[in-house]
Amino acid sequence: QVQLVESGGGLVQAGGSLRLSCAASGRTFSSYAMGWFRQAPGKEREFVAGISWNGGSTYYADSVKGRFTISRDNAKNTVYLQMNSLKPEDTAVYYCNLQKNYYSDYVLGSWGQGTQVTVSS
């Protein structure tokens, strides 16, 4: 079982930036693709970005492509999401999870607490 802890969220103005971190522990991490997801109140969970086990391939939803960058440091068991040019519609709770494939929204783990991102206009 892998435990995932998201951090780095906060309140920013539109156009600002945040970097989210997802720290994994309790089990082997580097063998799995990882993804970031988000959920706003009243909306379904959205697959935002994914990254292959070795970091060689990435996926981005059209809504964030060109603004967000996913990366990972397997030596630190950590996945990052750099978010630039933030928009109010990016406001959501952001979660990370293990993925079957980096481009798929099929997750292998349970959902954690997430980290809140709020973008003001």
PDB file of N, CA and C in Angstrom:
ATOM      1  N   GLN A   1       0.830  -1.188   0.000  1.00  0.00           N
ATOM      2  CA  GLN A   1       0.000   0.000   0.000  1.00  0.00           C
ATOM      3  C   GLN A   1       0.874   1.251   0.000  1.00  0.00           C
ATOM      4  N   VAL A   2       0.563   2.181  -0.905  1.00  0.00           N
ATOM      5  CA  VAL A   2       1.284   3.443  -1.011  1.00  0.00           C
ATOM      6  C   VAL A   2       0.439   4.543  -0.387  1.00  0.00           C
ATOM      7  N   GLN A   3       1.061   5.322   0.470  1.00  0.00           N
ATOM      8  CA  GLN A   3       0.405   6.480   1.049  1.00  0.00           C
ATOM      9  C   GLN A   3       0.838   7.730   0.291  1.00  0.00           C
ATOM     10  N   LEU A   4      -0.122   8.561  -0.062  1.00  0.00           N
ATOM     11  CA  LEU A   4       0.137   9.764  -0.843  1.00  0.00           C
ATOM     12  C   LEU A   4      -0.320  10.991  -0.069  1.00  0.00           C
ATOM     13  N   VAL A   5       0.541  11.985  -0.005  1.00  0.00           N
ATOM     14  CA  VAL A   5       0.230  13.218   0.703  1.00  0.00           C
ATOM     15  C   VAL A   5       0.478  14.393  -0.222  1.00  0.00           C
ATOM     16  N   GLU A   6      -0.585  15.136  -0.530  1.00  0.00           N
ATOM     17  CA  GLU A   6      -0.491  16.306  -1.387  1.00  0.00           C
ATOM     18  C   GLU A   6      -0.238  17.554  -0.547  1.00  0.00           C
ATOM     19  N   SER A   7       0.504  18.487  -1.121  1.00  0.00           N
ATOM     20  CA  SER A   7       0.774  19.747  -0.443  1.00  0.00           C
ATOM     21  C   SER A   7       1.085  20.822  -1.475  1.00  0.00           C
ATOM     22  N   GLY A   8       1.147  22.056  -1.021  1.00  0.00           N
ATOM     23  CA  GLY A   8       1.540  23.158  -1.875  1.00  0.00           C
ATOM     24  C   GLY A   8       0.415  24.045  -2.350  1.00  0.00           C
ATOM     25  N   GLY A   9      -0.823  23.679  -2.053  1.00  0.00           N
ATOM     26  CA  GLY A   9      -1.938  24.498  -2.469  1.00  0.00           C
ATOM     27  C   GLY A   9      -1.999  25.796  -1.683  1.00  0.00           C
ATOM     28  N   GLY A  10      -2.871  26.677  -2.138  1.00  0.00           N
ATOM     29  CA  GLY A  10      -3.024  27.952  -1.471  1.00  0.00           C
ATOM     30  C   GLY A  10      -3.910  28.879  -2.258  1.00  0.00           C
ATOM     31  N   LEU A  11      -3.913  30.130  -1.846  1.00  0.00           N
ATOM     32  CA  LEU A  11      -4.708  31.173  -2.484  1.00  0.00           C
ATOM     33  C   LEU A  11      -3.794  32.066  -3.312  1.00  0.00           C
ATOM     34  N   VAL A  12      -4.105  32.198  -4.591  1.00  0.00           N
ATOM     35  CA  VAL A  12      -3.316  33.040  -5.484  1.00  0.00           C
ATOM     36  C   VAL A  12      -4.246  33.855  -6.365  1.00  0.00           C
ATOM     37  N   GLN A  13      -3.725  34.941  -6.890  1.00  0.00           N
ATOM     38  CA  GLN A  13      -4.473  35.751  -7.839  1.00  0.00           C
ATOM     39  C   GLN A  13      -4.371  35.159  -9.237  1.00  0.00           C
ATOM     40  N   ALA A  14      -5.360  35.443 -10.060  1.00  0.00           N
ATOM     41  CA  ALA A  14      -5.323  35.003 -11.443  1.00  0.00           C
ATOM     42  C   ALA A  14      -4.026  35.459 -12.101  1.00  0.00           C
ATOM     43  N   GLY A  15      -3.421  34.549 -12.855  1.00  0.00           N
ATOM     44  CA  GLY A  15      -2.146  34.827 -13.487  1.00  0.00           C
ATOM     45  C   GLY A  15      -0.954  34.390 -12.671  1.00  0.00           C
ATOM     46  N   GLY A  16      -1.185  34.011 -11.431  1.00  0.00           N
ATOM     47  CA  GLY A  16      -0.114  33.589 -10.558  1.00  0.00           C
ATOM     48  C   GLY A  16       0.262  32.140 -10.753  1.00  0.00           C
ATOM     49  N   SER A  17       1.171  31.670  -9.893  1.00  0.00           N
ATOM     50  CA  SER A  17       1.703  30.320 -10.008  1.00  0.00           C
ATOM     51  C   SER A  17       1.723  29.620  -8.661  1.00  0.00           C
ATOM     52  N   LEU A  18       1.646  28.297  -8.721  1.00  0.00           N
ATOM     53  CA  LEU A  18       1.800  27.440  -7.559  1.00  0.00           C
ATOM     54  C   LEU A  18       2.504  26.169  -7.997  1.00  0.00           C
ATOM     55  N   ARG A  19       3.214  25.544  -7.083  1.00  0.00           N
ATOM     56  CA  ARG A  19       3.779  24.227  -7.334  1.00  0.00           C
ATOM     57  C   ARG A  19       3.258  23.259  -6.287  1.00  0.00           C
ATOM     58  N   LEU A  20       2.560  22.237  -6.742  1.00  0.00           N
ATOM     59  CA  LEU A  20       2.037  21.209  -5.868  1.00  0.00           C
ATOM     60  C   LEU A  20       3.020  20.053  -5.775  1.00  0.00           C
ATOM     61  N   SER A  21       3.042  19.410  -4.626  1.00  0.00           N
ATOM     62  CA  SER A  21       3.886  18.248  -4.416  1.00  0.00           C
ATOM     63  C   SER A  21       3.041  17.078  -3.948  1.00  0.00           C
ATOM     64  N   CYS A  22       3.439  15.895  -4.342  1.00  0.00           N
ATOM     65  CA  CYS A  22       2.796  14.667  -3.920  1.00  0.00           C
ATOM     66  C   CYS A  22       3.887  13.732  -3.437  1.00  0.00           C
ATOM     67  N   ALA A  23       3.930  13.509  -2.140  1.00  0.00           N
ATOM     68  CA  ALA A  23       4.943  12.658  -1.535  1.00  0.00           C
ATOM     69  C   ALA A  23       4.375  11.275  -1.274  1.00  0.00           C
ATOM     70  N   ALA A  24       5.092  10.267  -1.695  1.00  0.00           N
ATOM     71  CA  ALA A  24       4.657   8.887  -1.549  1.00  0.00           C
ATOM     72  C   ALA A  24       5.519   8.150  -0.535  1.00  0.00           C
ATOM     73  N   SER A  25       4.887   7.256   0.195  1.00  0.00           N
ATOM     74  CA  SER A  25       5.609   6.439   1.161  1.00  0.00           C
ATOM     75  C   SER A  25       4.882   5.120   1.362  1.00  0.00           C
ATOM     76  N   GLY A  26       5.571   4.174   1.961  1.00  0.00           N
ATOM     77  CA  GLY A  26       4.963   2.913   2.346  1.00  0.00           C
ATOM     78  C   GLY A  26       5.096   1.774   1.350  1.00  0.00           C
ATOM     79  N   ARG A  27       5.489   2.072   0.134  1.00  0.00           N
ATOM     80  CA  ARG A  27       5.580   1.058  -0.901  1.00  0.00           C
ATOM     81  C   ARG A  27       6.432   1.586  -2.051  1.00  0.00           C
ATOM     82  N   THR A  28       6.816   0.690  -2.932  1.00  0.00           N
ATOM     83  CA  THR A  28       7.571   1.092  -4.110  1.00  0.00           C
ATOM     84  C   THR A  28       6.790   2.109  -4.927  1.00  0.00           C
ATOM     85  N   PHE A  29       7.456   3.181  -5.331  1.00  0.00           N
ATOM     86  CA  PHE A  29       6.834   4.289  -6.017  1.00  0.00           C
ATOM     87  C   PHE A  29       7.244   4.381  -7.475  1.00  0.00           C
ATOM     88  N   SER A  30       8.508   4.141  -7.753  1.00  0.00           N
ATOM     89  CA  SER A  30       9.065   4.447  -9.066  1.00  0.00           C
ATOM     90  C   SER A  30       8.534   3.580 -10.199  1.00  0.00           C
ATOM     91  N   SER A  31       7.895   2.467  -9.894  1.00  0.00           N
ATOM     92  CA  SER A  31       7.412   1.572 -10.937  1.00  0.00           C
ATOM     93  C   SER A  31       6.078   1.992 -11.532  1.00  0.00           C
ATOM     94  N   TYR A  32       5.461   3.021 -10.991  1.00  0.00           N
ATOM     95  CA  TYR A  32       4.111   3.397 -11.387  1.00  0.00           C
ATOM     96  C   TYR A  32       4.048   4.746 -12.075  1.00  0.00           C
ATOM     97  N   ALA A  33       3.144   4.823 -13.048  1.00  0.00           N
ATOM     98  CA  ALA A  33       2.754   6.122 -13.567  1.00  0.00           C
ATOM     99  C   ALA A  33       1.997   6.871 -12.474  1.00  0.00           C
ATOM    100  N   MET A  34       2.072   8.191 -12.503  1.00  0.00           N
ATOM    101  CA  MET A  34       1.403   9.022 -11.509  1.00  0.00           C
ATOM    102  C   MET A  34       0.608  10.111 -12.197  1.00  0.00           C
ATOM    103  N   GLY A  35      -0.469  10.500 -11.562  1.00  0.00           N
ATOM    104  CA  GLY A  35      -1.301  11.528 -12.149  1.00  0.00           C
ATOM    105  C   GLY A  35      -1.814  12.523 -11.130  1.00  0.00           C
ATOM    106  N   TRP A  36      -2.193  13.681 -11.642  1.00  0.00           N
ATOM    107  CA  TRP A  36      -2.859  14.708 -10.860  1.00  0.00           C
ATOM    108  C   TRP A  36      -4.302  14.832 -11.321  1.00  0.00           C
ATOM    109  N   PHE A  37      -5.199  14.988 -10.361  1.00  0.00           N
ATOM    110  CA  PHE A  37      -6.621  15.123 -10.601  1.00  0.00           C
ATOM    111  C   PHE A  37      -7.138  16.298  -9.792  1.00  0.00           C
ATOM    112  N   ARG A  38      -8.276  16.827 -10.186  1.00  0.00           N
ATOM    113  CA  ARG A  38      -8.857  17.913  -9.416  1.00  0.00           C
ATOM    114  C   ARG A  38     -10.375  17.791  -9.405  1.00  0.00           C
ATOM    115  N   GLN A  39     -10.962  18.354  -8.358  1.00  0.00           N
ATOM    116  CA  GLN A  39     -12.404  18.342  -8.234  1.00  0.00           C
ATOM    117  C   GLN A  39     -12.871  19.645  -7.599  1.00  0.00           C
ATOM    118  N   ALA A  40     -13.725  20.341  -8.322  1.00  0.00           N
ATOM    119  CA  ALA A  40     -14.342  21.556  -7.826  1.00  0.00           C
ATOM    120  C   ALA A  40     -15.713  21.225  -7.253  1.00  0.00           C
ATOM    121  N   PRO A  41     -16.220  22.045  -6.331  1.00  0.00           N
ATOM    122  CA  PRO A  41     -17.537  21.782  -5.751  1.00  0.00           C
ATOM    123  C   PRO A  41     -18.614  21.661  -6.821  1.00  0.00           C
ATOM    124  N   GLY A  42     -19.413  20.610  -6.734  1.00  0.00           N
ATOM    125  CA  GLY A  42     -20.497  20.410  -7.674  1.00  0.00           C
ATOM    126  C   GLY A  42     -20.087  19.855  -9.013  1.00  0.00           C
ATOM    127  N   LYS A  43     -18.814  19.552  -9.194  1.00  0.00           N
ATOM    128  CA  LYS A  43     -18.324  19.023 -10.455  1.00  0.00           C
ATOM    129  C   LYS A  43     -17.640  17.676 -10.247  1.00  0.00           C
ATOM    130  N   GLU A  44     -17.568  16.899 -11.305  1.00  0.00           N
ATOM    131  CA  GLU A  44     -16.924  15.601 -11.219  1.00  0.00           C
ATOM    132  C   GLU A  44     -15.411  15.756 -11.235  1.00  0.00           C
ATOM    133  N   ARG A  45     -14.732  14.726 -10.757  1.00  0.00           N
ATOM    134  CA  ARG A  45     -13.284  14.743 -10.723  1.00  0.00           C
ATOM    135  C   ARG A  45     -12.716  14.743 -12.142  1.00  0.00           C
ATOM    136  N   GLU A  46     -11.704  15.557 -12.370  1.00  0.00           N
ATOM    137  CA  GLU A  46     -11.099  15.732 -13.678  1.00  0.00           C
ATOM    138  C   GLU A  46      -9.650  15.262 -13.664  1.00  0.00           C
ATOM    139  N   PHE A  47      -9.268  14.516 -14.665  1.00  0.00           N
ATOM    140  CA  PHE A  47      -7.889  14.088 -14.859  1.00  0.00           C
ATOM    141  C   PHE A  47      -7.118  15.243 -15.491  1.00  0.00           C
ATOM    142  N   VAL A  48      -6.120  15.744 -14.791  1.00  0.00           N
ATOM    143  CA  VAL A  48      -5.407  16.950 -15.191  1.00  0.00           C
ATOM    144  C   VAL A  48      -4.114  16.636 -15.933  1.00  0.00           C
ATOM    145  N   ALA A  49      -3.300  15.755 -15.378  1.00  0.00           N
ATOM    146  CA  ALA A  49      -1.992  15.466 -15.947  1.00  0.00           C
ATOM    147  C   ALA A  49      -1.495  14.120 -15.473  1.00  0.00           C
ATOM    148  N   GLY A  50      -0.691  13.467 -16.296  1.00  0.00           N
ATOM    149  CA  GLY A  50      -0.102  12.193 -15.936  1.00  0.00           C
ATOM    150  C   GLY A  50       1.339  12.120 -16.397  1.00  0.00           C
ATOM    151  N   ILE A  51       2.102  11.238 -15.751  1.00  0.00           N
ATOM    152  CA  ILE A  51       3.509  11.071 -16.089  1.00  0.00           C
ATOM    153  C   ILE A  51       3.885   9.607 -15.956  1.00  0.00           C
ATOM    154  N   SER A  52       4.656   9.106 -16.914  1.00  0.00           N
ATOM    155  CA  SER A  52       5.061   7.711 -16.908  1.00  0.00           C
ATOM    156  C   SER A  52       6.040   7.431 -15.778  1.00  0.00           C
ATOM    157  N   TRP A  53       6.283   6.154 -15.542  1.00  0.00           N
ATOM    158  CA  TRP A  53       7.085   5.743 -14.383  1.00  0.00           C
ATOM    159  C   TRP A  53       8.484   6.337 -14.385  1.00  0.00           C
ATOM    160  N   ASN A  54       9.054   6.529 -15.573  1.00  0.00           N
ATOM    161  CA  ASN A  54      10.406   7.069 -15.666  1.00  0.00           C
ATOM    162  C   ASN A  54      10.435   8.548 -16.038  1.00  0.00           C
ATOM    163  N   GLY A  55       9.269   9.160 -16.111  1.00  0.00           N
ATOM    164  CA  GLY A  55       9.191  10.569 -16.442  1.00  0.00           C
ATOM    165  C   GLY A  55       9.357  10.884 -17.908  1.00  0.00           C
ATOM    166  N   GLY A  56       9.443   9.863 -18.751  1.00  0.00           N
ATOM    167  CA  GLY A  56       9.704  10.086 -20.156  1.00  0.00           C
ATOM    168  C   GLY A  56       8.515  10.538 -20.974  1.00  0.00           C
ATOM    169  N   SER A  57       7.314  10.315 -20.472  1.00  0.00           N
ATOM    170  CA  SER A  57       6.105  10.679 -21.199  1.00  0.00           C
ATOM    171  C   SER A  57       5.145  11.384 -20.266  1.00  0.00           C
ATOM    172  N   THR A  58       4.435  12.358 -20.804  1.00  0.00           N
ATOM    173  CA  THR A  58       3.468  13.109 -20.013  1.00  0.00           C
ATOM    174  C   THR A  58       2.173  13.285 -20.782  1.00  0.00           C
ATOM    175  N   TYR A  59       1.123  13.541 -20.035  1.00  0.00           N
ATOM    176  CA  TYR A  59      -0.194  13.832 -20.593  1.00  0.00           C
ATOM    177  C   TYR A  59      -0.756  15.056 -19.885  1.00  0.00           C
ATOM    178  N   TYR A  60      -1.466  15.894 -20.651  1.00  0.00           N
ATOM    179  CA  TYR A  60      -2.145  17.048 -20.074  1.00  0.00           C
ATOM    180  C   TYR A  60      -3.545  17.175 -20.645  1.00  0.00           C
ATOM    181  N   ALA A  61      -4.477  17.502 -19.784  1.00  0.00           N
ATOM    182  CA  ALA A  61      -5.808  17.834 -20.254  1.00  0.00           C
ATOM    183  C   ALA A  61      -5.752  19.125 -21.059  1.00  0.00           C
ATOM    184  N   ASP A  62      -6.642  19.246 -22.021  1.00  0.00           N
ATOM    185  CA  ASP A  62      -6.654  20.439 -22.863  1.00  0.00           C
ATOM    186  C   ASP A  62      -6.818  21.721 -22.041  1.00  0.00           C
ATOM    187  N   SER A  63      -7.513  21.624 -20.943  1.00  0.00           N
ATOM    188  CA  SER A  63      -7.789  22.795 -20.131  1.00  0.00           C
ATOM    189  C   SER A  63      -6.549  23.373 -19.450  1.00  0.00           C
ATOM    190  N   VAL A  64      -5.489  22.571 -19.327  1.00  0.00           N
ATOM    191  CA  VAL A  64      -4.281  23.030 -18.639  1.00  0.00           C
ATOM    192  C   VAL A  64      -3.042  22.980 -19.509  1.00  0.00           C
ATOM    193  N   LYS A  65      -3.142  22.417 -20.679  1.00  0.00           N
ATOM    194  CA  LYS A  65      -1.988  22.256 -21.553  1.00  0.00           C
ATOM    195  C   LYS A  65      -1.362  23.611 -21.874  1.00  0.00           C
ATOM    196  N   GLY A  66      -0.044  23.679 -21.736  1.00  0.00           N
ATOM    197  CA  GLY A  66       0.675  24.917 -21.962  1.00  0.00           C
ATOM    198  C   GLY A  66       0.845  25.759 -20.723  1.00  0.00           C
ATOM    199  N   ARG A  67       0.103  25.440 -19.670  1.00  0.00           N
ATOM    200  CA  ARG A  67       0.182  26.194 -18.431  1.00  0.00           C
ATOM    201  C   ARG A  67       0.737  25.364 -17.275  1.00  0.00           C
ATOM    202  N   PHE A  68       0.429  24.071 -17.258  1.00  0.00           N
ATOM    203  CA  PHE A  68       0.852  23.186 -16.175  1.00  0.00           C
ATOM    204  C   PHE A  68       1.961  22.263 -16.661  1.00  0.00           C
ATOM    205  N   THR A  69       2.842  21.883 -15.748  1.00  0.00           N
ATOM    206  CA  THR A  69       3.905  20.941 -16.048  1.00  0.00           C
ATOM    207  C   THR A  69       4.004  19.913 -14.928  1.00  0.00           C
ATOM    208  N   ILE A  70       3.911  18.642 -15.289  1.00  0.00           N
ATOM    209  CA  ILE A  70       4.061  17.569 -14.320  1.00  0.00           C
ATOM    210  C   ILE A  70       5.478  17.021 -14.399  1.00  0.00           C
ATOM    211  N   SER A  71       6.041  16.690 -13.261  1.00  0.00           N
ATOM    212  CA  SER A  71       7.380  16.126 -13.214  1.00  0.00           C
ATOM    213  C   SER A  71       7.478  15.192 -12.015  1.00  0.00           C
ATOM    214  N   ARG A  72       8.539  14.416 -11.966  1.00  0.00           N
ATOM    215  CA  ARG A  72       8.711  13.518 -10.835  1.00  0.00           C
ATOM    216  C   ARG A  72      10.183  13.346 -10.503  1.00  0.00           C
ATOM    217  N   ASP A  73      10.440  13.050  -9.256  1.00  0.00           N
ATOM    218  CA  ASP A  73      11.776  12.760  -8.766  1.00  0.00           C
ATOM    219  C   ASP A  73      11.667  11.440  -8.020  1.00  0.00           C
ATOM    220  N   ASN A  74      12.004  10.364  -8.693  1.00  0.00           N
ATOM    221  CA  ASN A  74      11.836   9.045  -8.094  1.00  0.00           C
ATOM    222  C   ASN A  74      12.752   8.824  -6.896  1.00  0.00           C
ATOM    223  N   ALA A  75      13.896   9.472  -6.893  1.00  0.00           N
ATOM    224  CA  ALA A  75      14.798   9.357  -5.756  1.00  0.00           C
ATOM    225  C   ALA A  75      14.175   9.932  -4.490  1.00  0.00           C
ATOM    226  N   LYS A  76      13.278  10.896  -4.656  1.00  0.00           N
ATOM    227  CA  LYS A  76      12.598  11.517  -3.530  1.00  0.00           C
ATOM    228  C   LYS A  76      11.171  11.021  -3.359  1.00  0.00           C
ATOM    229  N   ASN A  77      10.748  10.089  -4.199  1.00  0.00           N
ATOM    230  CA  ASN A  77       9.376   9.574  -4.155  1.00  0.00           C
ATOM    231  C   ASN A  77       8.348  10.702  -4.196  1.00  0.00           C
ATOM    232  N   THR A  78       8.571  11.645  -5.100  1.00  0.00           N
ATOM    233  CA  THR A  78       7.733  12.831  -5.154  1.00  0.00           C
ATOM    234  C   THR A  78       7.358  13.173  -6.589  1.00  0.00           C
ATOM    235  N   VAL A  79       6.104  13.576  -6.777  1.00  0.00           N
ATOM    236  CA  VAL A  79       5.596  14.072  -8.048  1.00  0.00           C
ATOM    237  C   VAL A  79       5.183  15.519  -7.851  1.00  0.00           C
ATOM    238  N   TYR A  80       5.430  16.333  -8.869  1.00  0.00           N
ATOM    239  CA  TYR A  80       5.142  17.755  -8.784  1.00  0.00           C
ATOM    240  C   TYR A  80       4.173  18.179  -9.878  1.00  0.00           C
ATOM    241  N   LEU A  81       3.464  19.256  -9.614  1.00  0.00           N
ATOM    242  CA  LEU A  81       2.651  19.896 -10.629  1.00  0.00           C
ATOM    243  C   LEU A  81       2.913  21.394 -10.548  1.00  0.00           C
ATOM    244  N   GLN A  82       3.651  21.897 -11.522  1.00  0.00           N
ATOM    245  CA  GLN A  82       3.899  23.327 -11.618  1.00  0.00           C
ATOM    246  C   GLN A  82       2.748  23.959 -12.376  1.00  0.00           C
ATOM    247  N   MET A  83       2.075  24.904 -11.753  1.00  0.00           N
ATOM    248  CA  MET A  83       0.905  25.538 -12.334  1.00  0.00           C
ATOM    249  C   MET A  83       1.197  27.018 -12.546  1.00  0.00           C
ATOM    250  N   ASN A  84       1.182  27.430 -13.792  1.00  0.00           N
ATOM    251  CA  ASN A  84       1.418  28.821 -14.155  1.00  0.00           C
ATOM    252  C   ASN A  84       0.179  29.406 -14.815  1.00  0.00           C
ATOM    253  N   SER A  85       0.137  30.715 -14.888  1.00  0.00           N
ATOM    254  CA  SER A  85      -0.979  31.419 -15.523  1.00  0.00           C
ATOM    255  C   SER A  85      -2.317  30.915 -15.016  1.00  0.00           C
ATOM    256  N   LEU A  86      -2.435  30.831 -13.717  1.00  0.00           N
ATOM    257  CA  LEU A  86      -3.627  30.252 -13.111  1.00  0.00           C
ATOM    258  C   LEU A  86      -4.867  31.093 -13.391  1.00  0.00           C
ATOM    259  N   LYS A  87      -5.978  30.395 -13.556  1.00  0.00           N
ATOM    260  CA  LYS A  87      -7.270  31.003 -13.829  1.00  0.00           C
ATOM    261  C   LYS A  87      -8.250  30.648 -12.716  1.00  0.00           C
ATOM    262  N   PRO A  88      -9.280  31.455 -12.519  1.00  0.00           N
ATOM    263  CA  PRO A  88     -10.275  31.119 -11.493  1.00  0.00           C
ATOM    264  C   PRO A  88     -10.876  29.729 -11.678  1.00  0.00           C
ATOM    265  N   GLU A  89     -11.029  29.278 -12.907  1.00  0.00           N
ATOM    266  CA  GLU A  89     -11.585  27.960 -13.154  1.00  0.00           C
ATOM    267  C   GLU A  89     -10.653  26.821 -12.755  1.00  0.00           C
ATOM    268  N   ASP A  90      -9.413  27.140 -12.386  1.00  0.00           N
ATOM    269  CA  ASP A  90      -8.505  26.132 -11.848  1.00  0.00           C
ATOM    270  C   ASP A  90      -8.766  25.857 -10.376  1.00  0.00           C
ATOM    271  N   THR A  91      -9.620  26.639  -9.763  1.00  0.00           N
ATOM    272  CA  THR A  91      -9.939  26.456  -8.351  1.00  0.00           C
ATOM    273  C   THR A  91     -10.549  25.076  -8.123  1.00  0.00           C
ATOM    274  N   ALA A  92      -9.941  24.306  -7.237  1.00  0.00           N
ATOM    275  CA  ALA A  92     -10.383  22.944  -6.965  1.00  0.00           C
ATOM    276  C   ALA A  92      -9.503  22.347  -5.878  1.00  0.00           C
ATOM    277  N   VAL A  93      -9.903  21.180  -5.412  1.00  0.00           N
ATOM    278  CA  VAL A  93      -9.029  20.366  -4.587  1.00  0.00           C
ATOM    279  C   VAL A  93      -8.250  19.455  -5.518  1.00  0.00           C
ATOM    280  N   TYR A  94      -6.942  19.451  -5.395  1.00  0.00           N
ATOM    281  CA  TYR A  94      -6.073  18.683  -6.271  1.00  0.00           C
ATOM    282  C   TYR A  94      -5.582  17.433  -5.557  1.00  0.00           C
ATOM    283  N   TYR A  95      -5.653  16.311  -6.257  1.00  0.00           N
ATOM    284  CA  TYR A  95      -5.261  15.019  -5.729  1.00  0.00           C
ATOM    285  C   TYR A  95      -4.236  14.364  -6.651  1.00  0.00           C
ATOM    286  N   CYS A  96      -3.382  13.542  -6.085  1.00  0.00           N
ATOM    287  CA  CYS A  96      -2.516  12.697  -6.896  1.00  0.00           C
ATOM    288  C   CYS A  96      -2.900  11.244  -6.689  1.00  0.00           C
ATOM    289  N   ASN A  97      -2.488  10.398  -7.616  1.00  0.00           N
ATOM    290  CA  ASN A  97      -2.793   8.984  -7.489  1.00  0.00           C
ATOM    291  C   ASN A  97      -1.902   8.173  -8.421  1.00  0.00           C
ATOM    292  N   LEU A  98      -1.741   6.900  -8.100  1.00  0.00           N
ATOM    293  CA  LEU A  98      -1.071   5.976  -8.989  1.00  0.00           C
ATOM    294  C   LEU A  98      -1.988   5.684 -10.164  1.00  0.00           C
ATOM    295  N   GLN A  99      -1.410   5.547 -11.340  1.00  0.00           N
ATOM    296  CA  GLN A  99      -2.171   5.285 -12.545  1.00  0.00           C
ATOM    297  C   GLN A  99      -1.769   3.967 -13.188  1.00  0.00           C
ATOM    298  N   LYS A 100      -2.713   3.382 -13.895  1.00  0.00           N
ATOM    299  CA  LYS A 100      -2.404   2.212 -14.700  1.00  0.00           C
ATOM    300  C   LYS A 100      -1.494   2.614 -15.859  1.00  0.00           C
ATOM    301  N   ASN A 101      -1.799   3.731 -16.486  1.00  0.00           N
ATOM    302  CA  ASN A 101      -0.985   4.324 -17.534  1.00  0.00           C
ATOM    303  C   ASN A 101      -1.000   5.833 -17.354  1.00  0.00           C
ATOM    304  N   TYR A 102       0.051   6.489 -17.809  1.00  0.00           N
ATOM    305  CA  TYR A 102       0.169   7.930 -17.577  1.00  0.00           C
ATOM    306  C   TYR A 102      -0.914   8.732 -18.286  1.00  0.00           C
ATOM    307  N   TYR A 103      -1.473   8.177 -19.342  1.00  0.00           N
ATOM    308  CA  TYR A 103      -2.478   8.873 -20.142  1.00  0.00           C
ATOM    309  C   TYR A 103      -3.898   8.480 -19.771  1.00  0.00           C
ATOM    310  N   SER A 104      -4.050   7.614 -18.783  1.00  0.00           N
ATOM    311  CA  SER A 104      -5.354   7.093 -18.400  1.00  0.00           C
ATOM    312  C   SER A 104      -5.828   7.675 -17.081  1.00  0.00           C
ATOM    313  N   ASP A 105      -7.134   7.815 -16.954  1.00  0.00           N
ATOM    314  CA  ASP A 105      -7.697   8.278 -15.691  1.00  0.00           C
ATOM    315  C   ASP A 105      -8.010   7.130 -14.739  1.00  0.00           C
ATOM    316  N   TYR A 106      -7.629   5.919 -15.104  1.00  0.00           N
ATOM    317  CA  TYR A 106      -7.809   4.763 -14.240  1.00  0.00           C
ATOM    318  C   TYR A 106      -6.741   4.779 -13.152  1.00  0.00           C
ATOM    319  N   VAL A 107      -7.174   4.876 -11.912  1.00  0.00           N
ATOM    320  CA  VAL A 107      -6.233   4.972 -10.805  1.00  0.00           C
ATOM    321  C   VAL A 107      -6.152   3.666 -10.040  1.00  0.00           C
ATOM    322  N   LEU A 108      -5.033   3.463  -9.377  1.00  0.00           N
ATOM    323  CA  LEU A 108      -4.761   2.218  -8.673  1.00  0.00           C
ATOM    324  C   LEU A 108      -4.833   2.355  -7.161  1.00  0.00           C
ATOM    325  N   GLY A 109      -4.834   3.550  -6.654  1.00  0.00           N
ATOM    326  CA  GLY A 109      -4.839   3.772  -5.223  1.00  0.00           C
ATOM    327  C   GLY A 109      -6.101   4.453  -4.740  1.00  0.00           C
ATOM    328  N   SER A 110      -6.164   4.632  -3.446  1.00  0.00           N
ATOM    329  CA  SER A 110      -7.284   5.342  -2.852  1.00  0.00           C
ATOM    330  C   SER A 110      -7.009   6.849  -2.871  1.00  0.00           C
ATOM    331  N   TRP A 111      -8.070   7.619  -2.713  1.00  0.00           N
ATOM    332  CA  TRP A 111      -7.945   9.073  -2.726  1.00  0.00           C
ATOM    333  C   TRP A 111      -7.578   9.598  -1.344  1.00  0.00           C
ATOM    334  N   GLY A 112      -6.628  10.508  -1.320  1.00  0.00           N
ATOM    335  CA  GLY A 112      -6.215  11.126  -0.078  1.00  0.00           C
ATOM    336  C   GLY A 112      -7.000  12.385   0.215  1.00  0.00           C
ATOM    337  N   GLN A 113      -6.408  13.261   1.013  1.00  0.00           N
ATOM    338  CA  GLN A 113      -7.081  14.483   1.419  1.00  0.00           C
ATOM    339  C   GLN A 113      -7.017  15.577   0.360  1.00  0.00           C
ATOM    340  N   GLY A 114      -6.013  15.530  -0.489  1.00  0.00           N
ATOM    341  CA  GLY A 114      -5.845  16.547  -1.510  1.00  0.00           C
ATOM    342  C   GLY A 114      -5.319  17.850  -0.937  1.00  0.00           C
ATOM    343  N   THR A 115      -5.107  18.811  -1.824  1.00  0.00           N
ATOM    344  CA  THR A 115      -4.669  20.137  -1.409  1.00  0.00           C
ATOM    345  C   THR A 115      -5.495  21.176  -2.156  1.00  0.00           C
ATOM    346  N   GLN A 116      -5.971  22.168  -1.435  1.00  0.00           N
ATOM    347  CA  GLN A 116      -6.882  23.160  -1.994  1.00  0.00           C
ATOM    348  C   GLN A 116      -6.116  24.228  -2.761  1.00  0.00           C
ATOM    349  N   VAL A 117      -6.560  24.483  -3.978  1.00  0.00           N
ATOM    350  CA  VAL A 117      -6.046  25.579  -4.793  1.00  0.00           C
ATOM    351  C   VAL A 117      -7.193  26.537  -5.058  1.00  0.00           C
ATOM    352  N   THR A 118      -7.006  27.780  -4.688  1.00  0.00           N
ATOM    353  CA  THR A 118      -8.021  28.798  -4.911  1.00  0.00           C
ATOM    354  C   THR A 118      -7.403  29.944  -5.695  1.00  0.00           C
ATOM    355  N   VAL A 119      -8.007  30.269  -6.821  1.00  0.00           N
ATOM    356  CA  VAL A 119      -7.516  31.339  -7.688  1.00  0.00           C
ATOM    357  C   VAL A 119      -8.559  32.447  -7.714  1.00  0.00           C
ATOM    358  N   SER A 120      -8.180  33.607  -7.256  1.00  0.00           N
ATOM    359  CA  SER A 120      -9.085  34.739  -7.218  1.00  0.00           C
ATOM    360  C   SER A 120      -8.968  35.564  -8.491  1.00  0.00           C
ATOM    361  N   SER A 121     -10.045  36.224  -8.858  1.00  0.00           N
ATOM    362  CA  SER A 121     -10.065  37.046 -10.059  1.00  0.00           C
ATOM    363  C   SER A 121      -9.750  38.495  -9.746  1.00  0.00           C
TER     364      SER A 121
END
